[in-house]
Amino acid sequence: MTHQDAAALADAIANKVATPAQAVPTWKHQSLAKGHAGIALLHIQRARSGRGTWATAHAWLTSAASVDLSVAENASLYIGAPAVAYAVHAAGDDSERYEATRRKLAGLVARLAYQRVDQAHARMDRRELPELREFDLLGGLTGLGALLLQSQPEGEALAAILSYLVRLARPIRADGVDLPGWWTPTGPDFEITPTFPGGHANFGIAHGITGPLALLALAANQGLTVEGHHDAMHEICRWLDAWRQDHQRGSWWPQWIGREELSTGIVRQPSPLRPSWCYGTPGQARAQQLAGLALGDTTRQLAAECALARCIQDTIQLRQITDDSLCHGWAGVYQTVARAAADASEPTLNELLPLVARELVAFGGKSETIGLLEGDAGAALALHTAATGNPAFGWDRCLLLT
């Protein structure tokens, strides 16, 4: 695999999605995960790096903003006004480009953040357990925090979310049992189910507690902290340490645990599952590496880097990756390893990057969808990283990788 191979494949994918289709549902225009807002990120990166045109990026951004943007309760980093705000900010974060639109969307996002924070504190005051959608990256306050850290880092809305996450990290007592504050009453599918009586605790960066940990760490690494900030990171890290599984092929963490596992201390998941950004060791390890950097905890940083490296060297785990997506395929693994390698204290992760890049190129461009999280646009963004050695801008803040 050469850098030229990765660049050529990224070019081919971008050419395939050069023109936005207009006959799509309203939600798809304003979706970062599956729609036009996410595909705009690819063309923004290409324009910034000189491999594409601003006219193409503008066409996708215009399409993303061509519908009534949602600020409903389900609006989040990945859907609605915040999703479009993320893309628009990416297009103009170092220029006056789209300044009026950015300001308008910034106000909408801040108001939504305050509303969601108030609802979360009211829920805590009632001593009720949170839904995943309250705090997670894809649908909750962690996602809004990632956007605000990128676009309004000095604003009070971000501080409100960080303070909320500090409170979320404190234990909660329910049904006579002490639970972590992020324990949810549902299963991982967001539904109350007999499979998860009493709910579960989620470990993934997309929907679980390593998402809030990564956001707290990234904010701290930018010098943005609130009262109790470091204590919250320590509390989450202690939880992750307690549930770390060590075996001959490296350390790993479960995707989630239920009440029975909480009471016995024994994880049902017999071995590490698919390495992925969303639920697997790559995303979990990157969050802990960031926490180690924020806390000045070199032991934690090294342990996270080692877990990620051992994961990438384990052919049994790698064989479980079957696509090129950002969410759970080679693109997400490559982007995560690339970001972790840039911060690593030892060269191992950098030495492993060519292996991951070869797999990304081998799998790339075969998706039947064109979106960011599970389609060609996300793969092309990671291929751009592989081709150039560095993203043109911090587009992957929406993954909490940087």
Protein backbone atom coordinates (compact mmCIF):
# COMPACT_ATOMS: atom_id res chain seq x y z
CA MET A 1 0.00 0.00 0.00
CA THR A 2 1.32 3.43 -0.92
CA HIS A 3 0.09 6.87 -0.02
CA GLN A 4 -0.88 7.18 -3.67
CA ASP A 5 -3.15 4.12 -3.37
CA ALA A 6 -5.01 5.70 -0.47
CA ALA A 7 -5.25 9.06 -2.24
CA ALA A 8 -6.51 7.51 -5.46
CA LEU A 9 -9.20 5.54 -3.66
CA ALA A 10 -10.29 8.63 -1.70
CA ASP A 11 -10.50 10.54 -4.98
CA ALA A 12 -12.62 7.81 -6.56
CA ILE A 13 -15.05 7.78 -3.65
CA ALA A 14 -15.31 11.58 -3.61
CA ASN A 15 -16.03 11.64 -7.33
CA LYS A 16 -18.79 9.09 -6.77
CA VAL A 17 -20.52 11.44 -4.31
CA ALA A 18 -19.76 14.75 -6.02
CA THR A 19 -23.37 15.90 -6.44
CA PRO A 20 -26.02 15.78 -3.69
CA ALA A 21 -29.31 14.14 -4.54
CA GLN A 22 -32.25 16.35 -3.63
CA ALA A 23 -34.98 13.69 -3.62
CA VAL A 24 -34.17 12.45 -0.13
CA PRO A 25 -36.10 12.59 3.15
CA THR A 26 -35.83 15.78 5.19
CA TRP A 27 -33.89 14.04 7.95
CA LYS A 28 -31.22 12.90 5.53
CA HIS A 29 -30.30 16.45 4.54
CA GLN A 30 -29.49 17.31 8.15
CA SER A 31 -27.85 14.03 9.20
CA LEU A 32 -24.16 13.91 10.05
CA ALA A 33 -24.23 10.14 10.39
CA LYS A 34 -25.99 9.12 7.18
CA GLY A 35 -26.77 12.21 5.15
CA HIS A 36 -25.65 15.39 3.49
CA ALA A 37 -24.12 17.11 6.52
CA GLY A 38 -21.69 14.22 6.95
CA ILE A 39 -20.81 13.97 3.27
CA ALA A 40 -20.11 17.71 3.32
CA LEU A 41 -17.24 17.00 5.73
CA LEU A 42 -15.50 14.91 3.07
CA HIS A 43 -15.72 17.65 0.49
CA ILE A 44 -14.69 20.33 3.00
CA GLN A 45 -11.56 18.32 3.75
CA ARG A 46 -10.84 17.92 0.06
CA ALA A 47 -11.29 21.64 -0.54
CA ARG A 48 -9.01 22.50 2.36
CA SER A 49 -6.27 20.19 1.06
CA GLY A 50 -6.53 21.26 -2.56
CA ARG A 51 -7.86 17.93 -3.81
CA GLY A 52 -11.39 19.23 -4.29
CA THR A 53 -13.29 22.46 -4.82
CA TRP A 54 -15.18 24.73 -2.47
CA ALA A 55 -18.01 24.71 -4.99
CA THR A 56 -18.60 21.00 -4.33
CA ALA A 57 -18.38 21.47 -0.57
CA HIS A 58 -20.77 24.41 -0.80
CA ALA A 59 -23.29 22.34 -2.75
CA TRP A 60 -23.42 19.72 -0.01
CA LEU A 61 -23.59 22.31 2.77
CA THR A 62 -26.37 24.14 0.95
CA SER A 63 -28.29 20.89 0.60
CA ALA A 64 -27.76 20.09 4.29
CA ALA A 65 -29.19 23.48 5.29
CA SER A 66 -31.98 23.55 2.71
CA VAL A 67 -34.64 22.12 5.04
CA ASP A 68 -36.12 23.29 8.34
CA LEU A 69 -33.39 22.28 10.77
CA SER A 70 -34.57 20.39 13.81
CA VAL A 71 -34.06 21.73 17.31
CA ALA A 72 -36.40 19.14 18.81
CA GLU A 73 -35.46 17.02 21.81
CA ASN A 74 -33.85 14.41 19.56
CA ALA A 75 -31.64 16.97 17.79
CA SER A 76 -28.01 16.11 18.45
CA LEU A 77 -24.51 16.24 17.07
CA TYR A 78 -25.56 13.71 14.46
CA ILE A 79 -29.01 15.01 13.43
CA GLY A 80 -30.69 18.38 13.10
CA ALA A 81 -29.34 21.88 13.63
CA PRO A 82 -26.27 20.74 15.63
CA ALA A 83 -25.22 18.36 12.84
CA VAL A 84 -25.40 21.10 10.23
CA ALA A 85 -23.67 23.51 12.63
CA TYR A 86 -20.78 21.05 12.92
CA ALA A 87 -20.34 20.90 9.16
CA VAL A 88 -20.68 24.66 8.68
CA HIS A 89 -18.12 25.33 11.41
CA ALA A 90 -15.72 22.87 9.77
CA ALA A 91 -16.01 24.84 6.54
CA GLY A 92 -15.22 28.20 8.09
CA ASP A 93 -13.43 27.72 11.38
CA ASP A 94 -10.36 29.72 10.26
CA SER A 95 -12.04 32.24 7.98
CA GLU A 96 -15.08 34.46 7.60
CA ARG A 97 -16.71 31.82 5.41
CA TYR A 98 -20.35 31.24 6.39
CA GLU A 99 -19.95 33.55 9.40
CA ALA A 100 -23.59 34.68 9.57
CA THR A 101 -24.86 31.11 9.31
CA ARG A 102 -22.40 29.97 11.94
CA ARG A 103 -23.57 32.62 14.40
CA LYS A 104 -27.23 31.75 13.85
CA LEU A 105 -26.63 28.03 14.34
CA ALA A 106 -24.40 28.67 17.36
CA GLY A 107 -27.32 30.34 19.14
CA LEU A 108 -29.62 27.42 18.37
CA VAL A 109 -27.08 24.90 19.64
CA ALA A 110 -26.41 26.80 22.87
CA ARG A 111 -30.12 27.06 23.65
CA LEU A 112 -30.59 23.35 22.97
CA ALA A 113 -27.64 22.54 25.23
CA TYR A 114 -29.04 24.57 28.13
CA GLN A 115 -32.44 22.94 27.69
CA ARG A 116 -31.00 19.43 27.70
CA VAL A 117 -28.75 20.17 30.69
CA ASP A 118 -31.69 21.52 32.69
CA GLN A 119 -33.69 18.38 31.91
CA ALA A 120 -30.77 16.18 32.98
CA HIS A 121 -30.31 17.97 36.29
CA ALA A 122 -34.04 17.71 36.96
CA ARG A 123 -33.83 13.97 36.33
CA MET A 124 -30.90 13.71 38.75
CA ASP A 125 -32.81 15.69 41.36
CA ARG A 126 -35.58 13.06 41.07
CA ARG A 127 -32.92 10.36 41.64
CA GLU A 128 -33.84 8.61 38.42
CA LEU A 129 -31.46 6.73 36.12
CA PRO A 130 -30.46 8.37 32.82
CA GLU A 131 -31.32 7.23 29.32
CA LEU A 132 -28.40 6.65 26.98
CA ARG A 133 -29.76 9.47 24.82
CA GLU A 134 -29.28 11.89 27.69
CA PHE A 135 -25.51 11.65 27.81
CA ASP A 136 -24.07 9.69 24.89
CA LEU A 137 -22.04 10.97 21.95
CA LEU A 138 -24.36 10.13 19.09
CA GLY A 139 -27.60 11.46 20.57
CA GLY A 140 -26.89 13.16 23.86
CA LEU A 141 -25.07 15.89 25.74
CA THR A 142 -21.60 14.49 25.12
CA GLY A 143 -22.17 15.01 21.41
CA LEU A 144 -23.37 18.57 21.91
CA GLY A 145 -20.32 19.11 24.10
CA ALA A 146 -18.03 17.87 21.33
CA LEU A 147 -19.58 20.41 18.96
CA LEU A 148 -19.30 23.23 21.50
CA LEU A 149 -15.68 22.36 22.29
CA GLN A 150 -14.99 22.76 18.57
CA SER A 151 -17.10 25.85 17.89
CA GLN A 152 -17.70 27.70 21.18
CA PRO A 153 -14.97 26.50 23.55
CA GLU A 154 -15.08 29.53 25.83
CA GLY A 155 -18.87 29.63 26.04
CA GLU A 156 -21.01 28.98 29.08
CA ALA A 157 -22.97 26.26 27.27
CA LEU A 158 -19.90 24.00 27.13
CA ALA A 159 -19.16 24.67 30.81
CA ALA A 160 -22.74 23.68 31.64
CA ILE A 161 -22.32 20.36 29.83
CA LEU A 162 -18.98 19.67 31.49
CA SER A 163 -20.51 20.37 34.92
CA TYR A 164 -23.34 18.00 34.06
CA LEU A 165 -20.84 15.26 33.15
CA VAL A 166 -19.08 15.81 36.47
CA ARG A 167 -22.37 15.16 38.23
CA LEU A 168 -23.10 12.17 35.97
CA ALA A 169 -19.87 10.55 37.16
CA ARG A 170 -21.07 10.45 40.76
CA PRO A 171 -22.70 7.22 42.02
CA ILE A 172 -26.46 6.93 42.22
CA ARG A 173 -28.51 4.63 44.45
CA ALA A 174 -31.41 2.77 42.85
CA ASP A 175 -33.40 -0.20 44.15
CA GLY A 176 -31.13 -0.31 47.19
CA VAL A 177 -28.00 -0.72 45.05
CA ASP A 178 -25.18 1.74 44.47
CA LEU A 179 -24.74 2.22 40.73
CA PRO A 180 -22.50 4.43 38.61
CA GLY A 181 -24.28 7.63 37.66
CA TRP A 182 -24.38 6.59 33.98
CA TRP A 183 -26.21 3.29 34.64
CA THR A 184 -29.24 3.20 32.36
CA PRO A 185 -32.59 1.44 32.97
CA THR A 186 -32.63 0.00 29.43
CA GLY A 187 -30.51 -2.38 27.39
CA PRO A 188 -28.01 -1.22 24.75
CA ASP A 189 -30.85 -1.09 22.20
CA PHE A 190 -32.45 1.77 24.21
CA GLU A 191 -35.39 -0.46 25.22
CA ILE A 192 -36.37 -2.03 28.54
CA THR A 193 -35.88 -5.72 27.90
CA PRO A 194 -35.82 -9.01 29.85
CA THR A 195 -32.32 -9.56 28.50
CA PHE A 196 -31.11 -6.70 30.70
CA PRO A 197 -33.24 -6.77 33.86
CA GLY A 198 -32.31 -3.70 35.84
CA GLY A 199 -30.58 -2.03 32.91
CA HIS A 200 -26.92 -1.86 32.01
CA ALA A 201 -23.70 0.17 32.00
CA ASN A 202 -22.28 0.87 28.56
CA PHE A 203 -18.53 1.14 27.92
CA GLY A 204 -18.43 2.24 24.26
CA ILE A 205 -17.28 5.66 23.08
CA ALA A 206 -20.36 6.06 20.87
CA HIS A 207 -23.02 5.33 23.49
CA GLY A 208 -21.18 4.64 26.73
CA ILE A 209 -19.07 6.22 29.43
CA THR A 210 -15.82 6.42 27.49
CA GLY A 211 -17.50 9.14 25.40
CA PRO A 212 -17.93 11.49 28.38
CA LEU A 213 -14.42 10.56 29.55
CA ALA A 214 -12.96 11.52 26.17
CA LEU A 215 -14.82 14.84 26.14
CA LEU A 216 -13.72 15.71 29.68
CA ALA A 217 -10.14 14.82 28.75
CA LEU A 218 -10.13 16.79 25.49
CA ALA A 219 -11.53 19.84 27.28
CA ALA A 220 -8.93 19.56 30.03
CA ASN A 221 -6.17 19.21 27.45
CA GLN A 222 -7.39 22.53 25.99
CA GLY A 223 -7.24 24.11 29.46
CA LEU A 224 -11.04 24.13 29.87
CA THR A 225 -12.16 22.68 33.19
CA VAL A 226 -14.98 23.05 35.70
CA GLU A 227 -15.22 22.30 39.41
CA GLY A 228 -14.78 18.56 40.00
CA HIS A 229 -13.51 17.98 36.45
CA HIS A 230 -10.48 15.85 37.35
CA ASP A 231 -12.35 14.01 40.09
CA ALA A 232 -14.91 12.93 37.51
CA MET A 233 -12.21 11.61 35.19
CA HIS A 234 -10.64 9.71 38.07
CA GLU A 235 -14.01 8.18 38.99
CA ILE A 236 -14.65 6.98 35.43
CA CYS A 237 -11.10 5.64 35.14
CA ARG A 238 -11.47 3.68 38.39
CA TRP A 239 -14.60 2.06 36.94
CA LEU A 240 -12.78 1.14 33.74
CA ASP A 241 -9.86 -0.28 35.74
CA ALA A 242 -12.23 -2.44 37.77
CA TRP A 243 -13.72 -3.99 34.61
CA ARG A 244 -10.57 -4.32 32.54
CA GLN A 245 -10.04 -7.88 31.35
CA ASP A 246 -6.43 -9.05 30.99
CA HIS A 247 -5.38 -12.00 28.87
CA GLN A 248 -2.37 -13.19 26.91
CA ARG A 249 -3.35 -11.20 23.81
CA GLY A 250 -3.77 -7.92 25.67
CA SER A 251 -6.20 -5.99 27.86
CA TRP A 252 -9.77 -5.27 26.82
CA TRP A 253 -13.04 -3.97 28.25
CA PRO A 254 -16.57 -5.32 27.81
CA GLN A 255 -19.05 -3.56 25.56
CA TRP A 256 -21.46 -3.41 28.49
CA ILE A 257 -22.44 -5.14 31.72
CA GLY A 258 -25.80 -5.90 33.35
CA ARG A 259 -26.98 -6.20 36.95
CA GLU A 260 -25.87 -9.83 37.33
CA GLU A 261 -22.35 -8.97 36.22
CA LEU A 262 -22.33 -5.98 38.54
CA SER A 263 -23.23 -8.16 41.50
CA THR A 264 -20.82 -11.00 40.69
CA GLY A 265 -17.96 -9.02 39.19
CA ILE A 266 -17.78 -11.58 36.38
CA VAL A 267 -18.10 -10.42 32.77
CA ARG A 268 -20.27 -12.56 30.50
CA GLN A 269 -18.47 -11.48 27.34
CA PRO A 270 -15.88 -14.24 26.96
CA SER A 271 -13.31 -12.37 24.85
CA PRO A 272 -12.77 -9.11 23.00
CA LEU A 273 -15.23 -8.63 20.17
CA ARG A 274 -14.70 -6.73 16.90
CA PRO A 275 -12.09 -3.99 17.25
CA SER A 276 -13.94 -0.80 16.48
CA TRP A 277 -14.19 2.88 17.21
CA CYS A 278 -17.77 2.63 18.47
CA TYR A 279 -17.65 -0.19 21.03
CA GLY A 280 -14.31 -1.96 20.85
CA THR A 281 -10.84 -1.57 22.28
CA PRO A 282 -9.72 1.18 19.84
CA GLY A 283 -12.29 3.74 20.95
CA GLN A 284 -12.12 2.72 24.61
CA ALA A 285 -8.32 2.83 24.65
CA ARG A 286 -8.12 6.22 22.92
CA ALA A 287 -10.44 7.73 25.54
CA GLN A 288 -8.19 6.41 28.30
CA GLN A 289 -5.05 7.60 26.56
CA LEU A 290 -6.58 11.09 26.40
CA ALA A 291 -7.48 10.84 30.09
CA GLY A 292 -3.94 9.80 30.93
CA LEU A 293 -2.62 12.84 29.08
CA ALA A 294 -5.11 15.16 30.81
CA LEU A 295 -4.37 13.77 34.27
CA GLY A 296 -0.61 13.52 33.82
CA ASP A 297 -1.00 9.78 34.43
CA THR A 298 1.72 8.23 32.27
CA THR A 299 0.94 4.74 33.57
CA ARG A 300 -2.62 4.98 32.31
CA GLN A 301 -1.50 6.48 29.03
CA LEU A 302 0.99 3.67 28.42
CA ALA A 303 -1.51 0.98 29.40
CA ALA A 304 -4.06 2.38 26.95
CA GLU A 305 -1.50 2.56 24.15
CA CYS A 306 -0.40 -1.00 24.88
CA ALA A 307 -4.01 -2.28 24.83
CA LEU A 308 -4.56 -0.62 21.46
CA ALA A 309 -1.31 -1.95 20.00
CA ARG A 310 -1.97 -5.50 21.20
CA CYS A 311 -5.46 -5.31 19.74
CA ILE A 312 -4.08 -4.32 16.33
CA GLN A 313 -1.56 -7.15 16.49
CA ASP A 314 -4.18 -9.80 17.31
CA THR A 315 -5.26 -11.54 14.10
CA ILE A 316 -8.16 -13.24 15.89
CA GLN A 317 -9.67 -9.85 16.67
CA LEU A 318 -8.82 -8.32 13.30
CA ARG A 319 -10.59 -11.07 11.40
CA GLN A 320 -13.85 -9.83 12.92
CA ILE A 321 -13.64 -6.55 10.97
CA THR A 322 -15.65 -6.95 7.79
CA ASP A 323 -16.06 -3.46 6.30
CA ASP A 324 -14.41 -0.07 5.84
CA SER A 325 -16.73 2.07 7.96
CA LEU A 326 -15.80 4.66 10.56
CA CYS A 327 -18.23 3.27 13.08
CA HIS A 328 -17.13 -0.36 13.23
CA GLY A 329 -14.76 -0.94 10.33
CA TRP A 330 -11.22 -0.27 9.15
CA ALA A 331 -11.71 3.47 8.66
CA GLY A 332 -12.57 3.95 12.32
CA VAL A 333 -9.67 1.74 13.41
CA TYR A 334 -7.23 3.63 11.18
CA GLN A 335 -8.37 7.08 12.28
CA THR A 336 -8.26 6.05 15.94
CA VAL A 337 -4.79 4.52 15.70
CA ALA A 338 -3.51 7.51 13.74
CA ARG A 339 -4.69 9.94 16.41
CA ALA A 340 -3.39 7.76 19.24
CA ALA A 341 -0.04 7.31 17.49
CA ALA A 342 0.39 11.08 17.20
CA ASP A 343 0.16 11.37 21.01
CA ALA A 344 1.92 8.11 21.90
CA SER A 345 4.97 7.99 24.11
CA GLU A 346 6.43 5.01 22.20
CA PRO A 347 6.72 4.26 18.45
CA THR A 348 4.73 1.00 18.33
CA LEU A 349 1.44 2.50 17.15
CA ASN A 350 3.17 4.46 14.40
CA GLU A 351 4.88 1.28 13.27
CA LEU A 352 1.50 -0.48 13.06
CA LEU A 353 -0.20 2.22 10.98
CA PRO A 354 0.92 0.80 7.59
CA LEU A 355 -0.70 -2.54 8.47
CA VAL A 356 -4.01 -0.87 9.22
CA ALA A 357 -3.74 1.32 6.12
CA ARG A 358 -3.30 -1.73 3.90
CA GLU A 359 -6.50 -3.24 5.25
CA LEU A 360 -8.35 0.05 4.85
CA VAL A 361 -7.36 0.29 1.20
CA ALA A 362 -8.23 -3.37 0.62
CA PHE A 363 -11.73 -2.92 2.03
CA GLY A 364 -12.27 0.69 0.94
CA GLY A 365 -14.87 1.88 -1.52
CA LYS A 366 -17.05 -1.21 -1.34
CA SER A 367 -19.83 0.15 0.85
CA GLU A 368 -23.36 0.29 -0.52
CA THR A 369 -24.03 3.51 1.40
CA ILE A 370 -22.41 6.93 1.13
CA GLY A 371 -22.76 8.36 4.64
CA LEU A 372 -20.16 9.35 7.23
CA LEU A 373 -20.46 6.74 9.98
CA GLU A 374 -21.19 3.60 8.00
CA GLY A 375 -20.57 4.57 4.37
CA ASP A 376 -18.08 5.70 1.78
CA ALA A 377 -17.69 9.28 3.02
CA GLY A 378 -16.21 8.15 6.32
CA ALA A 379 -13.90 5.70 4.59
CA ALA A 380 -12.68 8.43 2.24
CA LEU A 381 -11.92 10.74 5.17
CA ALA A 382 -9.77 8.07 6.82
CA LEU A 383 -8.12 7.32 3.46
CA HIS A 384 -7.24 11.02 3.24
CA THR A 385 -5.50 10.70 6.61
CA ALA A 386 -3.63 7.65 5.34
CA ALA A 387 -2.62 9.48 2.17
CA THR A 388 -1.47 12.71 3.78
CA GLY A 389 -0.47 11.67 7.28
CA ASN A 390 -2.76 14.24 8.83
CA PRO A 391 -6.39 15.36 8.57
CA ALA A 392 -6.77 18.75 6.92
CA PHE A 393 -8.75 19.92 9.96
CA GLY A 394 -10.19 18.38 13.10
CA TRP A 395 -13.20 16.79 11.41
CA ASP A 396 -12.91 13.78 13.72
CA ARG A 397 -13.84 15.77 16.83
CA CYS A 398 -17.29 14.28 16.15
CA LEU A 399 -15.67 10.92 17.01
CA LEU A 400 -13.95 12.42 20.07
CA LEU A 401 -10.58 11.34 18.73
CA THR A 402 -8.96 14.77 18.85
